[in-house]
Amino acid sequence: MYNVLLTLLVIISILIIIAVMMQPAKNDNASTALSGGSSELFSKQKPRGFEAFMQKVTTILGILFFVIGLALVYLSSH
């Protein structure tokens, strides 16, 4: 059981890396870093389409990563 969970953890970590790399880049330039991005404060929109899908996939993979990690810690201590 421990080896199966460890293999799943490795696979999920690779999938997290792929999911993060596939997310669209947010084009922030130096002026928004210096001004704090105040010009975009009220122009926030909910992500739609591919961006929303990738955020959900990344969230689910992150939750699975931590749950499997905790299960591995529990199995190794007992």
N, C-alpha and C. Protein backbone atom coordinates (compact mmCIF):
# COMPACT_ATOMS: atom_id res chain seq x y z
N MET A 1 0.83 -1.19 0.00
CA MET A 1 0.00 0.00 0.00
C MET A 1 0.87 1.26 0.00
N TYR A 2 1.96 1.20 0.77
CA TYR A 2 2.86 2.34 0.86
C TYR A 2 3.47 2.65 -0.51
N ASN A 3 3.89 1.61 -1.21
CA ASN A 3 4.51 1.82 -2.52
C ASN A 3 3.53 2.36 -3.55
N VAL A 4 2.28 1.93 -3.47
CA VAL A 4 1.26 2.42 -4.39
C VAL A 4 1.03 3.92 -4.15
N LEU A 5 0.90 4.30 -2.89
CA LEU A 5 0.69 5.71 -2.57
C LEU A 5 1.90 6.56 -2.94
N LEU A 6 3.09 6.02 -2.75
CA LEU A 6 4.29 6.75 -3.12
C LEU A 6 4.36 6.96 -4.63
N THR A 7 3.98 5.95 -5.40
CA THR A 7 3.94 6.08 -6.85
C THR A 7 2.90 7.11 -7.27
N LEU A 8 1.73 7.08 -6.63
CA LEU A 8 0.70 8.08 -6.93
C LEU A 8 1.17 9.48 -6.60
N LEU A 9 1.92 9.63 -5.51
CA LEU A 9 2.43 10.94 -5.11
C LEU A 9 3.40 11.49 -6.17
N VAL A 10 4.24 10.63 -6.69
CA VAL A 10 5.18 11.05 -7.73
C VAL A 10 4.44 11.45 -9.00
N ILE A 11 3.44 10.66 -9.39
CA ILE A 11 2.66 10.96 -10.59
C ILE A 11 1.91 12.28 -10.42
N ILE A 12 1.30 12.48 -9.26
CA ILE A 12 0.55 13.72 -9.01
C ILE A 12 1.48 14.92 -8.98
N SER A 13 2.67 14.77 -8.43
CA SER A 13 3.60 15.90 -8.41
C SER A 13 4.03 16.28 -9.82
N ILE A 14 4.22 15.30 -10.69
CA ILE A 14 4.54 15.60 -12.09
C ILE A 14 3.37 16.28 -12.78
N LEU A 15 2.15 15.82 -12.49
CA LEU A 15 0.96 16.45 -13.08
C LEU A 15 0.77 17.88 -12.58
N ILE A 16 1.11 18.15 -11.32
CA ILE A 16 1.03 19.52 -10.80
C ILE A 16 1.99 20.42 -11.55
N ILE A 17 3.20 19.93 -11.80
CA ILE A 17 4.18 20.73 -12.54
C ILE A 17 3.66 21.04 -13.93
N ILE A 18 3.10 20.05 -14.60
CA ILE A 18 2.55 20.25 -15.95
C ILE A 18 1.38 21.23 -15.92
N ALA A 19 0.49 21.09 -14.93
CA ALA A 19 -0.68 21.97 -14.84
C ALA A 19 -0.28 23.41 -14.60
N VAL A 20 0.73 23.62 -13.76
CA VAL A 20 1.18 24.99 -13.49
C VAL A 20 1.84 25.58 -14.72
N MET A 21 2.60 24.78 -15.44
CA MET A 21 3.27 25.27 -16.65
C MET A 21 2.28 25.61 -17.76
N MET A 22 1.12 24.95 -17.77
CA MET A 22 0.13 25.18 -18.82
C MET A 22 -0.77 26.39 -18.54
N GLN A 23 -0.74 26.91 -17.34
CA GLN A 23 -1.60 28.05 -17.03
C GLN A 23 -1.14 29.28 -17.79
N PRO A 24 -2.08 30.08 -18.26
CA PRO A 24 -1.71 31.29 -18.99
C PRO A 24 -0.95 32.26 -18.09
N ALA A 25 0.03 32.92 -18.68
CA ALA A 25 0.86 33.86 -17.92
C ALA A 25 0.10 35.16 -17.71
N LYS A 26 0.29 35.71 -16.54
CA LYS A 26 -0.28 37.03 -16.26
C LYS A 26 0.79 38.04 -16.63
N ASN A 27 0.52 38.89 -17.59
CA ASN A 27 1.51 39.83 -18.08
C ASN A 27 1.57 41.07 -17.20
N ASP A 28 2.39 41.00 -16.19
CA ASP A 28 2.63 42.15 -15.32
C ASP A 28 3.97 42.75 -15.69
N ASN A 29 3.99 44.05 -15.84
CA ASN A 29 5.25 44.70 -16.16
C ASN A 29 5.80 45.40 -14.92
N ALA A 30 6.91 46.09 -15.06
CA ALA A 30 7.57 46.70 -13.91
C ALA A 30 6.72 47.80 -13.27
N SER A 31 5.93 48.50 -14.06
CA SER A 31 5.14 49.59 -13.49
C SER A 31 4.06 49.08 -12.55
N THR A 32 3.47 47.92 -12.84
CA THR A 32 2.46 47.39 -11.91
C THR A 32 3.12 46.86 -10.65
N ALA A 33 4.36 46.41 -10.75
CA ALA A 33 5.05 45.95 -9.55
C ALA A 33 5.37 47.12 -8.63
N LEU A 34 5.72 48.27 -9.21
CA LEU A 34 6.07 49.43 -8.40
C LEU A 34 4.84 50.14 -7.85
N SER A 35 3.77 50.18 -8.64
CA SER A 35 2.57 50.88 -8.21
C SER A 35 1.63 49.99 -7.40
N GLY A 36 1.94 48.73 -7.31
CA GLY A 36 1.09 47.81 -6.56
C GLY A 36 -0.08 47.31 -7.37
N GLY A 37 -0.14 47.61 -8.64
CA GLY A 37 -1.22 47.14 -9.49
C GLY A 37 -2.55 47.77 -9.17
N SER A 38 -2.54 49.00 -8.67
CA SER A 38 -3.79 49.64 -8.26
C SER A 38 -4.71 49.91 -9.45
N SER A 39 -4.15 50.01 -10.64
CA SER A 39 -5.00 50.25 -11.80
C SER A 39 -5.85 49.03 -12.14
N GLU A 40 -5.42 47.86 -11.67
CA GLU A 40 -6.17 46.64 -11.95
C GLU A 40 -7.03 46.20 -10.77
N LEU A 41 -7.12 47.03 -9.76
CA LEU A 41 -7.83 46.63 -8.55
C LEU A 41 -9.30 46.34 -8.82
N PHE A 42 -9.94 47.20 -9.58
CA PHE A 42 -11.37 47.04 -9.82
C PHE A 42 -11.67 46.38 -11.16
N SER A 43 -10.65 46.02 -11.92
CA SER A 43 -10.89 45.40 -13.22
C SER A 43 -10.72 43.89 -13.17
N LYS A 44 -10.74 43.31 -11.97
CA LYS A 44 -10.60 41.86 -11.85
C LYS A 44 -11.85 41.19 -12.39
N GLN A 45 -11.62 40.15 -13.20
CA GLN A 45 -12.72 39.38 -13.73
C GLN A 45 -12.50 37.92 -13.36
N LYS A 46 -13.58 37.19 -13.26
CA LYS A 46 -13.46 35.78 -12.97
C LYS A 46 -12.82 35.09 -14.17
N PRO A 47 -11.92 34.17 -13.92
CA PRO A 47 -11.32 33.44 -15.05
C PRO A 47 -12.37 32.57 -15.72
N ARG A 48 -12.28 32.47 -17.02
CA ARG A 48 -13.24 31.68 -17.79
C ARG A 48 -12.50 30.77 -18.74
N GLY A 49 -13.19 29.73 -19.15
CA GLY A 49 -12.64 28.84 -20.15
C GLY A 49 -11.46 28.04 -19.65
N PHE A 50 -10.40 28.05 -20.43
CA PHE A 50 -9.22 27.24 -20.15
C PHE A 50 -8.56 27.65 -18.85
N GLU A 51 -8.50 28.93 -18.57
CA GLU A 51 -7.85 29.40 -17.35
C GLU A 51 -8.59 28.90 -16.11
N ALA A 52 -9.91 28.95 -16.12
CA ALA A 52 -10.69 28.46 -14.99
C ALA A 52 -10.51 26.95 -14.82
N PHE A 53 -10.50 26.23 -15.93
CA PHE A 53 -10.31 24.78 -15.89
C PHE A 53 -8.95 24.43 -15.29
N MET A 54 -7.91 25.12 -15.71
CA MET A 54 -6.57 24.83 -15.22
C MET A 54 -6.43 25.18 -13.74
N GLN A 55 -7.11 26.23 -13.28
CA GLN A 55 -7.07 26.56 -11.86
C GLN A 55 -7.74 25.47 -11.03
N LYS A 56 -8.86 24.94 -11.52
CA LYS A 56 -9.55 23.87 -10.80
C LYS A 56 -8.71 22.59 -10.78
N VAL A 57 -8.09 22.26 -11.91
CA VAL A 57 -7.25 21.07 -11.97
C VAL A 57 -6.08 21.20 -11.00
N THR A 58 -5.44 22.37 -10.97
CA THR A 58 -4.31 22.59 -10.08
C THR A 58 -4.74 22.49 -8.62
N THR A 59 -5.90 23.03 -8.29
CA THR A 59 -6.41 22.96 -6.92
C THR A 59 -6.67 21.51 -6.51
N ILE A 60 -7.32 20.76 -7.38
CA ILE A 60 -7.64 19.36 -7.08
C ILE A 60 -6.36 18.54 -6.92
N LEU A 61 -5.40 18.75 -7.82
CA LEU A 61 -4.13 18.02 -7.72
C LEU A 61 -3.38 18.39 -6.45
N GLY A 62 -3.44 19.66 -6.06
CA GLY A 62 -2.79 20.08 -4.81
C GLY A 62 -3.41 19.43 -3.59
N ILE A 63 -4.72 19.36 -3.57
CA ILE A 63 -5.42 18.71 -2.45
C ILE A 63 -5.07 17.23 -2.40
N LEU A 64 -5.07 16.56 -3.56
CA LEU A 64 -4.69 15.14 -3.60
C LEU A 64 -3.26 14.93 -3.13
N PHE A 65 -2.37 15.85 -3.51
CA PHE A 65 -0.97 15.75 -3.11
C PHE A 65 -0.84 15.76 -1.59
N PHE A 66 -1.52 16.69 -0.93
CA PHE A 66 -1.43 16.78 0.52
C PHE A 66 -2.11 15.62 1.22
N VAL A 67 -3.24 15.16 0.68
CA VAL A 67 -3.94 14.03 1.30
C VAL A 67 -3.09 12.76 1.20
N ILE A 68 -2.52 12.52 0.03
CA ILE A 68 -1.68 11.33 -0.13
C ILE A 68 -0.41 11.46 0.71
N GLY A 69 0.14 12.67 0.79
CA GLY A 69 1.31 12.89 1.64
C GLY A 69 1.01 12.59 3.10
N LEU A 70 -0.14 13.04 3.58
CA LEU A 70 -0.53 12.74 4.97
C LEU A 70 -0.77 11.25 5.18
N ALA A 71 -1.36 10.59 4.18
CA ALA A 71 -1.57 9.14 4.28
C ALA A 71 -0.24 8.40 4.34
N LEU A 72 0.74 8.87 3.56
CA LEU A 72 2.06 8.24 3.61
C LEU A 72 2.73 8.42 4.97
N VAL A 73 2.58 9.60 5.55
CA VAL A 73 3.14 9.83 6.88
C VAL A 73 2.47 8.92 7.91
N TYR A 74 1.17 8.78 7.81
CA TYR A 74 0.44 7.92 8.74
C TYR A 74 0.87 6.46 8.59
N LEU A 75 0.99 5.99 7.32
CA LEU A 75 1.40 4.61 7.11
C LEU A 75 2.83 4.35 7.56
N SER A 76 3.70 5.31 7.39
CA SER A 76 5.08 5.09 7.77
C SER A 76 5.27 5.12 9.29
N SER A 77 4.35 5.76 10.00
CA SER A 77 4.49 5.83 11.45
C SER A 77 3.83 4.64 12.16
N HIS A 78 3.00 3.91 11.44
CA HIS A 78 2.32 2.76 12.07
C HIS A 78 2.81 1.48 11.49
